[in-house]
Amino acid sequence: MEWFRTEHLKITDASKGKGFLFIHIPIDEYIELYNDGNYVGMKDEDVSCGSVNTGVYSSLIEQKTVEWVSCGHDHNNDYHGEY
């Protein structure tokens, strides 16, 4: 996460809020998004996030450079929402 924060310091103010982050393994917040019912689409398998919340979402909120996050690990899930 330190690398992530350091690299985001290099992004200019004009670019903030326009980034897209693709990760393979879903972050824990995908489970919360689904459980809160604030999504559109289908969930056909459990969310397979890591066993430890690494703080990716917290870093995204701090840095304000990423607007969209997508993951591809759960092949039978196809939903999106605003968290």
C-alpha atoms as a PDB file:
ATOM      1  CA  MET A   1       0.000   0.000   0.000  1.00  0.00           C
ATOM      2  CA  GLU A   2       2.966   2.301   0.535  1.00  0.00           C
ATOM      3  CA  TRP A   3       3.906   1.940  -3.159  1.00  0.00           C
ATOM      4  CA  PHE A   4       0.310   2.705  -4.114  1.00  0.00           C
ATOM      5  CA  ARG A   5       0.263   5.889  -2.024  1.00  0.00           C
ATOM      6  CA  THR A   6       3.695   7.005  -3.273  1.00  0.00           C
ATOM      7  CA  GLU A   7       2.752   6.545  -6.933  1.00  0.00           C
ATOM      8  CA  HIS A   8      -0.487   8.460  -6.476  1.00  0.00           C
ATOM      9  CA  LEU A   9       1.425  11.464  -5.179  1.00  0.00           C
ATOM     10  CA  LYS A  10       2.826  11.770  -8.721  1.00  0.00           C
ATOM     11  CA  ILE A  11      -0.624  12.277 -10.246  1.00  0.00           C
ATOM     12  CA  THR A  12      -1.539  15.876 -11.002  1.00  0.00           C
ATOM     13  CA  ASP A  13      -4.643  17.527  -9.562  1.00  0.00           C
ATOM     14  CA  ALA A  14      -6.158  17.673 -13.060  1.00  0.00           C
ATOM     15  CA  SER A  15      -6.223  13.867 -13.199  1.00  0.00           C
ATOM     16  CA  LYS A  16      -7.748  13.199  -9.800  1.00  0.00           C
ATOM     17  CA  GLY A  17     -11.010  11.295  -9.800  1.00  0.00           C
ATOM     18  CA  LYS A  18     -10.577   9.997 -13.343  1.00  0.00           C
ATOM     19  CA  GLY A  19      -8.633   6.785 -12.768  1.00  0.00           C
ATOM     20  CA  PHE A  20      -9.657   3.177 -13.210  1.00  0.00           C
ATOM     21  CA  LEU A  21      -8.190   0.387 -11.106  1.00  0.00           C
ATOM     22  CA  PHE A  22      -8.377  -3.219 -12.251  1.00  0.00           C
ATOM     23  CA  ILE A  23      -7.477  -5.790  -9.623  1.00  0.00           C
ATOM     24  CA  HIS A  24      -7.737  -9.535  -9.867  1.00  0.00           C
ATOM     25  CA  ILE A  25      -8.911 -10.403  -6.336  1.00  0.00           C
ATOM     26  CA  PRO A  26     -11.959  -8.448  -5.091  1.00  0.00           C
ATOM     27  CA  ILE A  27     -11.487  -6.201  -2.081  1.00  0.00           C
ATOM     28  CA  ASP A  28     -13.636  -6.771   1.026  1.00  0.00           C
ATOM     29  CA  GLU A  29     -15.883  -3.874   0.136  1.00  0.00           C
ATOM     30  CA  TYR A  30     -17.365  -5.944  -2.708  1.00  0.00           C
ATOM     31  CA  ILE A  31     -19.016  -8.126  -0.060  1.00  0.00           C
ATOM     32  CA  GLU A  32     -20.365  -5.076   1.746  1.00  0.00           C
ATOM     33  CA  LEU A  33     -21.673  -3.616  -1.516  1.00  0.00           C
ATOM     34  CA  TYR A  34     -23.504  -6.833  -2.271  1.00  0.00           C
ATOM     35  CA  ASN A  35     -24.840  -7.286   1.271  1.00  0.00           C
ATOM     36  CA  ASP A  36     -26.151  -3.704   1.356  1.00  0.00           C
ATOM     37  CA  GLY A  37     -28.102  -4.389  -1.845  1.00  0.00           C
ATOM     38  CA  ASN A  38     -26.678  -1.318  -3.564  1.00  0.00           C
ATOM     39  CA  TYR A  39     -25.822  -3.103  -6.811  1.00  0.00           C
ATOM     40  CA  VAL A  40     -27.182  -4.027 -10.227  1.00  0.00           C
ATOM     41  CA  GLY A  41     -26.530  -7.386 -11.855  1.00  0.00           C
ATOM     42  CA  MET A  42     -26.106 -10.939 -10.654  1.00  0.00           C
ATOM     43  CA  LYS A  43     -24.047 -12.762  -8.054  1.00  0.00           C
ATOM     44  CA  ASP A  44     -23.784 -16.500  -8.693  1.00  0.00           C
ATOM     45  CA  GLU A  45     -20.903 -17.301  -6.336  1.00  0.00           C
ATOM     46  CA  ASP A  46     -19.459 -16.048  -3.060  1.00  0.00           C
ATOM     47  CA  VAL A  47     -17.085 -13.102  -3.251  1.00  0.00           C
ATOM     48  CA  SER A  48     -13.555 -14.511  -3.031  1.00  0.00           C
ATOM     49  CA  CYS A  49     -11.687 -11.669  -1.402  1.00  0.00           C
ATOM     50  CA  GLY A  50      -8.527 -12.055   0.656  1.00  0.00           C
ATOM     51  CA  SER A  51      -8.611 -13.070   4.302  1.00  0.00           C
ATOM     52  CA  VAL A  52      -7.123  -9.715   5.378  1.00  0.00           C
ATOM     53  CA  ASN A  53      -8.407  -6.276   4.438  1.00  0.00           C
ATOM     54  CA  THR A  54      -5.256  -4.649   3.053  1.00  0.00           C
ATOM     55  CA  GLY A  55      -6.670  -1.119   3.040  1.00  0.00           C
ATOM     56  CA  VAL A  56      -6.944  -0.651  -0.727  1.00  0.00           C
ATOM     57  CA  TYR A  57     -10.341   1.044  -0.449  1.00  0.00           C
ATOM     58  CA  SER A  58      -9.115   3.351   2.342  1.00  0.00           C
ATOM     59  CA  SER A  59      -6.169   4.357   0.159  1.00  0.00           C
ATOM     60  CA  LEU A  60      -8.502   5.093  -2.752  1.00  0.00           C
ATOM     61  CA  ILE A  61     -10.562   7.388  -0.531  1.00  0.00           C
ATOM     62  CA  GLU A  62      -7.414   9.153   0.723  1.00  0.00           C
ATOM     63  CA  GLN A  63      -5.881   9.664  -2.719  1.00  0.00           C
ATOM     64  CA  LYS A  64      -9.019  10.546  -4.722  1.00  0.00           C
ATOM     65  CA  THR A  65      -7.431   9.468  -8.009  1.00  0.00           C
ATOM     66  CA  VAL A  66      -9.498   6.380  -8.801  1.00  0.00           C
ATOM     67  CA  GLU A  67     -13.155   6.612  -9.741  1.00  0.00           C
ATOM     68  CA  TRP A  68     -13.819   2.978 -10.779  1.00  0.00           C
ATOM     69  CA  VAL A  69     -12.583  -0.360  -9.425  1.00  0.00           C
ATOM     70  CA  SER A  70     -13.096  -3.622 -11.268  1.00  0.00           C
ATOM     71  CA  CYS A  71     -12.015  -7.171 -10.537  1.00  0.00           C
ATOM     72  CA  GLY A  72     -12.156 -10.447 -12.419  1.00  0.00           C
ATOM     73  CA  HIS A  73     -11.523 -13.296  -9.979  1.00  0.00           C
ATOM     74  CA  ASP A  74     -15.138 -14.343  -9.447  1.00  0.00           C
ATOM     75  CA  HIS A  75     -16.055 -15.502 -12.932  1.00  0.00           C
ATOM     76  CA  ASN A  76     -19.736 -16.133 -12.200  1.00  0.00           C
ATOM     77  CA  ASN A  77     -20.427 -12.722 -10.694  1.00  0.00           C
ATOM     78  CA  ASP A  78     -21.400  -9.800 -12.885  1.00  0.00           C
ATOM     79  CA  TYR A  79     -22.610  -6.861 -10.843  1.00  0.00           C
ATOM     80  CA  HIS A  80     -21.713  -3.252 -10.200  1.00  0.00           C
ATOM     81  CA  GLY A  81     -22.732  -0.579  -7.778  1.00  0.00           C
ATOM     82  CA  GLU A  82     -21.802   2.630  -6.057  1.00  0.00           C
ATOM     83  CA  TYR A  83     -20.100   2.257  -2.698  1.00  0.00           C
END
